Amino acid sequence: MAFVITSPCIGEKAAECVEVCPVDAIHDGGDTYLINPDVCIDCGACEPVCPVSAIFQEDFVPDEEKEWIAINRDFFRNAG
């Protein structure tokens, strides 16, 4: 299970999450940052530092934000 960045990050991109990620799983996805689920070690360091509460553990992504699970995953699958 990985963490997921959701829509509140759009336009915010504060980058605190990037700085605290111990495995460099968070990357610039254009309008938002995104988390590579294949690299994320589920440590949770990113979640409490997000100033807009955009980061959730995958199982706890709110229903209205569920599409962001695929957006994060697909960004990295299509990047290679």
PDB file of N, CA and C in Angstrom:
ATOM      1  N   MET A   1       0.847  -1.170   0.000  1.00  0.00           N
ATOM      2  CA  MET A   1       0.000   0.000   0.000  1.00  0.00           C
ATOM      3  C   MET A   1       0.898   1.240   0.000  1.00  0.00           C
ATOM      4  N   ALA A   2       0.491   2.238  -0.719  1.00  0.00           N
ATOM      5  CA  ALA A   2       1.275   3.471  -0.824  1.00  0.00           C
ATOM      6  C   ALA A   2       0.432   4.660  -0.379  1.00  0.00           C
ATOM      7  N   PHE A   3       1.092   5.777  -0.261  1.00  0.00           N
ATOM      8  CA  PHE A   3       0.393   7.031  -0.020  1.00  0.00           C
ATOM      9  C   PHE A   3       0.055   7.652  -1.362  1.00  0.00           C
ATOM     10  N   VAL A   4      -0.964   8.504  -1.375  1.00  0.00           N
ATOM     11  CA  VAL A   4      -1.486   9.094  -2.604  1.00  0.00           C
ATOM     12  C   VAL A   4      -1.653  10.595  -2.394  1.00  0.00           C
ATOM     13  N   ILE A   5      -1.222  11.377  -3.372  1.00  0.00           N
ATOM     14  CA  ILE A   5      -1.455  12.822  -3.344  1.00  0.00           C
ATOM     15  C   ILE A   5      -2.717  13.097  -4.146  1.00  0.00           C
ATOM     16  N   THR A   6      -3.607  13.910  -3.579  1.00  0.00           N
ATOM     17  CA  THR A   6      -4.905  14.170  -4.181  1.00  0.00           C
ATOM     18  C   THR A   6      -5.053  15.631  -4.616  1.00  0.00           C
ATOM     19  N   SER A   7      -6.242  15.991  -5.076  1.00  0.00           N
ATOM     20  CA  SER A   7      -6.482  17.281  -5.720  1.00  0.00           C
ATOM     21  C   SER A   7      -6.136  18.536  -4.923  1.00  0.00           C
ATOM     22  N   PRO A   8      -6.194  18.566  -3.586  1.00  0.00           N
ATOM     23  CA  PRO A   8      -5.832  19.814  -2.912  1.00  0.00           C
ATOM     24  C   PRO A   8      -4.396  20.282  -3.207  1.00  0.00           C
ATOM     25  N   CYS A   9      -3.556  19.400  -3.702  1.00  0.00           N
ATOM     26  CA  CYS A   9      -2.174  19.778  -4.041  1.00  0.00           C
ATOM     27  C   CYS A   9      -2.105  20.621  -5.316  1.00  0.00           C
ATOM     28  N   ILE A  10      -3.121  20.523  -6.159  1.00  0.00           N
ATOM     29  CA  ILE A  10      -3.091  21.247  -7.434  1.00  0.00           C
ATOM     30  C   ILE A  10      -2.886  22.734  -7.160  1.00  0.00           C
ATOM     31  N   GLY A  11      -1.844  23.272  -7.750  1.00  0.00           N
ATOM     32  CA  GLY A  11      -1.540  24.682  -7.603  1.00  0.00           C
ATOM     33  C   GLY A  11      -0.827  25.041  -6.310  1.00  0.00           C
ATOM     34  N   GLU A  12      -0.832  24.162  -5.326  1.00  0.00           N
ATOM     35  CA  GLU A  12      -0.179  24.434  -4.037  1.00  0.00           C
ATOM     36  C   GLU A  12       1.309  24.098  -4.124  1.00  0.00           C
ATOM     37  N   LYS A  13       1.576  22.831  -4.354  1.00  0.00           N
ATOM     38  CA  LYS A  13       2.944  22.334  -4.535  1.00  0.00           C
ATOM     39  C   LYS A  13       3.936  22.936  -3.548  1.00  0.00           C
ATOM     40  N   ALA A  14       3.648  22.811  -2.272  1.00  0.00           N
ATOM     41  CA  ALA A  14       4.500  23.391  -1.235  1.00  0.00           C
ATOM     42  C   ALA A  14       5.848  22.683  -1.112  1.00  0.00           C
ATOM     43  N   ALA A  15       5.916  21.425  -1.472  1.00  0.00           N
ATOM     44  CA  ALA A  15       7.150  20.631  -1.547  1.00  0.00           C
ATOM     45  C   ALA A  15       7.701  20.128  -0.222  1.00  0.00           C
ATOM     46  N   GLU A  16       7.042  20.394   0.887  1.00  0.00           N
ATOM     47  CA  GLU A  16       7.513  19.820   2.147  1.00  0.00           C
ATOM     48  C   GLU A  16       7.550  18.301   2.061  1.00  0.00           C
ATOM     49  N   CYS A  17       6.590  17.713   1.370  1.00  0.00           N
ATOM     50  CA  CYS A  17       6.524  16.261   1.234  1.00  0.00           C
ATOM     51  C   CYS A  17       7.744  15.719   0.493  1.00  0.00           C
ATOM     52  N   VAL A  18       8.170  16.425  -0.531  1.00  0.00           N
ATOM     53  CA  VAL A  18       9.347  16.000  -1.300  1.00  0.00           C
ATOM     54  C   VAL A  18      10.574  15.979  -0.404  1.00  0.00           C
ATOM     55  N   GLU A  19      10.706  16.983   0.412  1.00  0.00           N
ATOM     56  CA  GLU A  19      11.872  17.118   1.285  1.00  0.00           C
ATOM     57  C   GLU A  19      11.954  16.018   2.337  1.00  0.00           C
ATOM     58  N   VAL A  20      10.823  15.528   2.837  1.00  0.00           N
ATOM     59  CA  VAL A  20      10.852  14.534   3.912  1.00  0.00           C
ATOM     60  C   VAL A  20      10.806  13.087   3.429  1.00  0.00           C
ATOM     61  N   CYS A  21      10.536  12.859   2.171  1.00  0.00           N
ATOM     62  CA  CYS A  21      10.434  11.484   1.662  1.00  0.00           C
ATOM     63  C   CYS A  21      11.814  10.820   1.663  1.00  0.00           C
ATOM     64  N   PRO A  22      11.982   9.740   2.431  1.00  0.00           N
ATOM     65  CA  PRO A  22      13.294   9.110   2.536  1.00  0.00           C
ATOM     66  C   PRO A  22      13.697   8.277   1.322  1.00  0.00           C
ATOM     67  N   VAL A  23      12.752   8.010   0.421  1.00  0.00           N
ATOM     68  CA  VAL A  23      13.075   7.163  -0.737  1.00  0.00           C
ATOM     69  C   VAL A  23      12.857   7.870  -2.077  1.00  0.00           C
ATOM     70  N   ASP A  24      12.680   9.190  -2.051  1.00  0.00           N
ATOM     71  CA  ASP A  24      12.518   9.979  -3.277  1.00  0.00           C
ATOM     72  C   ASP A  24      11.367   9.456  -4.150  1.00  0.00           C
ATOM     73  N   ALA A  25      10.226   9.174  -3.512  1.00  0.00           N
ATOM     74  CA  ALA A  25       9.070   8.649  -4.237  1.00  0.00           C
ATOM     75  C   ALA A  25       8.158   9.741  -4.775  1.00  0.00           C
ATOM     76  N   ILE A  26       8.379  10.994  -4.365  1.00  0.00           N
ATOM     77  CA  ILE A  26       7.476  12.087  -4.738  1.00  0.00           C
ATOM     78  C   ILE A  26       8.131  12.945  -5.808  1.00  0.00           C
ATOM     79  N   HIS A  27       7.395  13.117  -6.920  1.00  0.00           N
ATOM     80  CA  HIS A  27       7.952  13.841  -8.070  1.00  0.00           C
ATOM     81  C   HIS A  27       6.965  14.879  -8.587  1.00  0.00           C
ATOM     82  N   ASP A  28       7.498  15.839  -9.295  1.00  0.00           N
ATOM     83  CA  ASP A  28       6.701  16.894  -9.902  1.00  0.00           C
ATOM     84  C   ASP A  28       5.880  16.307 -11.036  1.00  0.00           C
ATOM     85  N   GLY A  29       4.574  16.422 -10.929  1.00  0.00           N
ATOM     86  CA  GLY A  29       3.679  15.905 -11.954  1.00  0.00           C
ATOM     87  C   GLY A  29       3.009  17.006 -12.753  1.00  0.00           C
ATOM     88  N   GLY A  30       3.593  18.184 -12.762  1.00  0.00           N
ATOM     89  CA  GLY A  30       3.001  19.311 -13.481  1.00  0.00           C
ATOM     90  C   GLY A  30       2.318  20.256 -12.517  1.00  0.00           C
ATOM     91  N   ASP A  31       0.995  20.187 -12.442  1.00  0.00           N
ATOM     92  CA  ASP A  31       0.223  21.058 -11.543  1.00  0.00           C
ATOM     93  C   ASP A  31       0.249  20.589 -10.096  1.00  0.00           C
ATOM     94  N   THR A  32       0.753  19.395  -9.864  1.00  0.00           N
ATOM     95  CA  THR A  32       0.741  18.776  -8.546  1.00  0.00           C
ATOM     96  C   THR A  32       1.944  17.858  -8.396  1.00  0.00           C
ATOM     97  N   TYR A  33       2.250  17.472  -7.175  1.00  0.00           N
ATOM     98  CA  TYR A  33       3.229  16.417  -6.961  1.00  0.00           C
ATOM     99  C   TYR A  33       2.494  15.094  -6.956  1.00  0.00           C
ATOM    100  N   LEU A  34       3.204  14.024  -7.287  1.00  0.00           N
ATOM    101  CA  LEU A  34       2.617  12.695  -7.306  1.00  0.00           C
ATOM    102  C   LEU A  34       3.573  11.714  -6.643  1.00  0.00           C
ATOM    103  N   ILE A  35       3.024  10.638  -6.085  1.00  0.00           N
ATOM    104  CA  ILE A  35       3.818   9.637  -5.387  1.00  0.00           C
ATOM    105  C   ILE A  35       3.878   8.358  -6.217  1.00  0.00           C
ATOM    106  N   ASN A  36       5.095   7.879  -6.442  1.00  0.00           N
ATOM    107  CA  ASN A  36       5.286   6.629  -7.167  1.00  0.00           C
ATOM    108  C   ASN A  36       4.961   5.475  -6.217  1.00  0.00           C
ATOM    109  N   PRO A  37       3.878   4.728  -6.479  1.00  0.00           N
ATOM    110  CA  PRO A  37       3.482   3.671  -5.553  1.00  0.00           C
ATOM    111  C   PRO A  37       4.463   2.505  -5.513  1.00  0.00           C
ATOM    112  N   ASP A  38       5.277   2.353  -6.544  1.00  0.00           N
ATOM    113  CA  ASP A  38       6.265   1.269  -6.575  1.00  0.00           C
ATOM    114  C   ASP A  38       7.510   1.608  -5.763  1.00  0.00           C
ATOM    115  N   VAL A  39       7.682   2.874  -5.424  1.00  0.00           N
ATOM    116  CA  VAL A  39       8.846   3.316  -4.655  1.00  0.00           C
ATOM    117  C   VAL A  39       8.458   3.638  -3.209  1.00  0.00           C
ATOM    118  N   CYS A  40       7.237   4.115  -3.003  1.00  0.00           N
ATOM    119  CA  CYS A  40       6.751   4.490  -1.664  1.00  0.00           C
ATOM    120  C   CYS A  40       6.873   3.307  -0.707  1.00  0.00           C
ATOM    121  N   ILE A  41       7.457   3.565   0.464  1.00  0.00           N
ATOM    122  CA  ILE A  41       7.615   2.509   1.472  1.00  0.00           C
ATOM    123  C   ILE A  41       6.564   2.615   2.577  1.00  0.00           C
ATOM    124  N   ASP A  42       5.559   3.455   2.376  1.00  0.00           N
ATOM    125  CA  ASP A  42       4.439   3.581   3.297  1.00  0.00           C
ATOM    126  C   ASP A  42       4.879   4.032   4.689  1.00  0.00           C
ATOM    127  N   CYS A  43       5.897   4.901   4.730  1.00  0.00           N
ATOM    128  CA  CYS A  43       6.410   5.356   6.030  1.00  0.00           C
ATOM    129  C   CYS A  43       5.536   6.447   6.642  1.00  0.00           C
ATOM    130  N   GLY A  44       4.810   7.197   5.793  1.00  0.00           N
ATOM    131  CA  GLY A  44       3.906   8.223   6.287  1.00  0.00           C
ATOM    132  C   GLY A  44       4.547   9.556   6.601  1.00  0.00           C
ATOM    133  N   ALA A  45       5.829   9.732   6.303  1.00  0.00           N
ATOM    134  CA  ALA A  45       6.503  10.997   6.619  1.00  0.00           C
ATOM    135  C   ALA A  45       5.889  12.179   5.881  1.00  0.00           C
ATOM    136  N   CYS A  46       5.351  11.954   4.716  1.00  0.00           N
ATOM    137  CA  CYS A  46       4.813  13.023   3.877  1.00  0.00           C
ATOM    138  C   CYS A  46       3.470  13.565   4.373  1.00  0.00           C
ATOM    139  N   GLU A  47       2.648  12.704   4.909  1.00  0.00           N
ATOM    140  CA  GLU A  47       1.274  13.085   5.255  1.00  0.00           C
ATOM    141  C   GLU A  47       1.186  14.254   6.250  1.00  0.00           C
ATOM    142  N   PRO A  48       1.884  14.213   7.380  1.00  0.00           N
ATOM    143  CA  PRO A  48       1.711  15.302   8.353  1.00  0.00           C
ATOM    144  C   PRO A  48       2.311  16.642   7.932  1.00  0.00           C
ATOM    145  N   VAL A  49       3.215  16.655   6.969  1.00  0.00           N
ATOM    146  CA  VAL A  49       3.834  17.924   6.563  1.00  0.00           C
ATOM    147  C   VAL A  49       3.079  18.626   5.447  1.00  0.00           C
ATOM    148  N   CYS A  50       2.089  17.981   4.867  1.00  0.00           N
ATOM    149  CA  CYS A  50       1.334  18.583   3.769  1.00  0.00           C
ATOM    150  C   CYS A  50       0.449  19.707   4.307  1.00  0.00           C
ATOM    151  N   PRO A  51       0.670  20.948   3.857  1.00  0.00           N
ATOM    152  CA  PRO A  51      -0.095  22.084   4.384  1.00  0.00           C
ATOM    153  C   PRO A  51      -1.554  22.130   3.925  1.00  0.00           C
ATOM    154  N   VAL A  52      -1.906  21.324   2.910  1.00  0.00           N
ATOM    155  CA  VAL A  52      -3.287  21.340   2.418  1.00  0.00           C
ATOM    156  C   VAL A  52      -3.989  19.992   2.614  1.00  0.00           C
ATOM    157  N   SER A  53      -3.401  19.114   3.396  1.00  0.00           N
ATOM    158  CA  SER A  53      -3.981  17.795   3.694  1.00  0.00           C
ATOM    159  C   SER A  53      -4.380  17.043   2.431  1.00  0.00           C
ATOM    160  N   ALA A  54      -3.456  16.986   1.480  1.00  0.00           N
ATOM    161  CA  ALA A  54      -3.718  16.337   0.204  1.00  0.00           C
ATOM    162  C   ALA A  54      -3.220  14.898   0.147  1.00  0.00           C
ATOM    163  N   ILE A  55      -2.521  14.440   1.182  1.00  0.00           N
ATOM    164  CA  ILE A  55      -1.885  13.129   1.149  1.00  0.00           C
ATOM    165  C   ILE A  55      -2.615  12.163   2.077  1.00  0.00           C
ATOM    166  N   PHE A  56      -2.933  10.979   1.505  1.00  0.00           N
ATOM    167  CA  PHE A  56      -3.650   9.943   2.241  1.00  0.00           C
ATOM    168  C   PHE A  56      -3.013   8.588   1.974  1.00  0.00           C
ATOM    169  N   GLN A  57      -3.095   7.699   2.965  1.00  0.00           N
ATOM    170  CA  GLN A  57      -2.758   6.318   2.716  1.00  0.00           C
ATOM    171  C   GLN A  57      -3.817   5.795   1.747  1.00  0.00           C
ATOM    172  N   GLU A  58      -3.408   4.967   0.812  1.00  0.00           N
ATOM    173  CA  GLU A  58      -4.302   4.536  -0.266  1.00  0.00           C
ATOM    174  C   GLU A  58      -5.659   4.041   0.227  1.00  0.00           C
ATOM    175  N   ASP A  59      -5.690   3.269   1.278  1.00  0.00           N
ATOM    176  CA  ASP A  59      -6.954   2.734   1.793  1.00  0.00           C
ATOM    177  C   ASP A  59      -7.855   3.797   2.409  1.00  0.00           C
ATOM    178  N   PHE A  60      -7.318   4.988   2.651  1.00  0.00           N
ATOM    179  CA  PHE A  60      -8.085   6.042   3.315  1.00  0.00           C
ATOM    180  C   PHE A  60      -8.325   7.269   2.433  1.00  0.00           C
ATOM    181  N   VAL A  61      -8.087   7.144   1.138  1.00  0.00           N
ATOM    182  CA  VAL A  61      -8.378   8.247   0.221  1.00  0.00           C
ATOM    183  C   VAL A  61      -9.894   8.459   0.219  1.00  0.00           C
ATOM    184  N   PRO A  62     -10.348   9.686   0.431  1.00  0.00           N
ATOM    185  CA  PRO A  62     -11.802   9.943   0.425  1.00  0.00           C
ATOM    186  C   PRO A  62     -12.433   9.525  -0.908  1.00  0.00           C
ATOM    187  N   ASP A  63     -13.670   9.100  -0.859  1.00  0.00           N
ATOM    188  CA  ASP A  63     -14.359   8.620  -2.056  1.00  0.00           C
ATOM    189  C   ASP A  63     -14.276   9.600  -3.210  1.00  0.00           C
ATOM    190  N   GLU A  64     -14.441  10.888  -2.917  1.00  0.00           N
ATOM    191  CA  GLU A  64     -14.426  11.886  -3.994  1.00  0.00           C
ATOM    192  C   GLU A  64     -13.032  12.122  -4.568  1.00  0.00           C
ATOM    193  N   GLU A  65     -12.022  11.513  -3.989  1.00  0.00           N
ATOM    194  CA  GLU A  65     -10.634  11.673  -4.454  1.00  0.00           C
ATOM    195  C   GLU A  65     -10.042  10.361  -4.978  1.00  0.00           C
ATOM    196  N   LYS A  66     -10.826   9.289  -5.035  1.00  0.00           N
ATOM    197  CA  LYS A  66     -10.335   7.956  -5.407  1.00  0.00           C
ATOM    198  C   LYS A  66      -9.651   7.931  -6.771  1.00  0.00           C
ATOM    199  N   GLU A  67     -10.064   8.777  -7.700  1.00  0.00           N
ATOM    200  CA  GLU A  67      -9.443   8.790  -9.024  1.00  0.00           C
ATOM    201  C   GLU A  67      -7.949   9.096  -8.947  1.00  0.00           C
ATOM    202  N   TRP A  68      -7.526   9.746  -7.853  1.00  0.00           N
ATOM    203  CA  TRP A  68      -6.120  10.112  -7.700  1.00  0.00           C
ATOM    204  C   TRP A  68      -5.219   8.909  -7.442  1.00  0.00           C
ATOM    205  N   ILE A  69      -5.788   7.803  -7.020  1.00  0.00           N
ATOM    206  CA  ILE A  69      -4.993   6.582  -6.874  1.00  0.00           C
ATOM    207  C   ILE A  69      -4.452   6.195  -8.248  1.00  0.00           C
ATOM    208  N   ALA A  70      -5.313   6.166  -9.242  1.00  0.00           N
ATOM    209  CA  ALA A  70      -4.900   5.828 -10.608  1.00  0.00           C
ATOM    210  C   ALA A  70      -4.044   6.928 -11.225  1.00  0.00           C
ATOM    211  N   ILE A  71      -4.339   8.175 -10.933  1.00  0.00           N
ATOM    212  CA  ILE A  71      -3.544   9.276 -11.492  1.00  0.00           C
ATOM    213  C   ILE A  71      -2.096   9.164 -11.031  1.00  0.00           C
ATOM    214  N   ASN A  72      -1.876   8.916  -9.748  1.00  0.00           N
ATOM    215  CA  ASN A  72      -0.518   8.750  -9.236  1.00  0.00           C
ATOM    216  C   ASN A  72       0.149   7.542  -9.889  1.00  0.00           C
ATOM    217  N   ARG A  73      -0.518   6.397  -9.883  1.00  0.00           N
ATOM    218  CA  ARG A  73       0.041   5.164 -10.451  1.00  0.00           C
ATOM    219  C   ARG A  73       0.334   5.305 -11.940  1.00  0.00           C
ATOM    220  N   ASP A  74      -0.620   5.813 -12.703  1.00  0.00           N
ATOM    221  CA  ASP A  74      -0.487   5.891 -14.155  1.00  0.00           C
ATOM    222  C   ASP A  74       0.594   6.877 -14.592  1.00  0.00           C
ATOM    223  N   PHE A  75       0.791   7.946 -13.829  1.00  0.00           N
ATOM    224  CA  PHE A  75       1.831   8.910 -14.172  1.00  0.00           C
ATOM    225  C   PHE A  75       3.191   8.218 -14.254  1.00  0.00           C
ATOM    226  N   PHE A  76       3.482   7.360 -13.301  1.00  0.00           N
ATOM    227  CA  PHE A  76       4.783   6.701 -13.263  1.00  0.00           C
ATOM    228  C   PHE A  76       4.864   5.531 -14.217  1.00  0.00           C
ATOM    229  N   ARG A  77       3.770   4.847 -14.464  1.00  0.00           N
ATOM    230  CA  ARG A  77       3.762   3.747 -15.449  1.00  0.00           C
ATOM    231  C   ARG A  77       3.962   4.274 -16.856  1.00  0.00           C
ATOM    232  N   ASN A  78       3.383   5.444 -17.131  1.00  0.00           N
ATOM    233  CA  ASN A  78       3.497   6.028 -18.468  1.00  0.00           C
ATOM    234  C   ASN A  78       4.776   6.817 -18.684  1.00  0.00           C
ATOM    235  N   ALA A  79       5.487   7.117 -17.595  1.00  0.00           N
ATOM    236  CA  ALA A  79       6.716   7.923 -17.692  1.00  0.00           C
ATOM    237  C   ALA A  79       7.883   7.130 -18.256  1.00  0.00           C
ATOM    238  N   GLY A  80       7.859   5.815 -18.101  1.00  0.00           N
ATOM    239  CA  GLY A  80       8.985   4.983 -18.502  1.00  0.00           C
ATOM    240  C   GLY A  80       8.906   4.579 -19.903  1.00  0.00           C
TER     241      GLY A  80
END
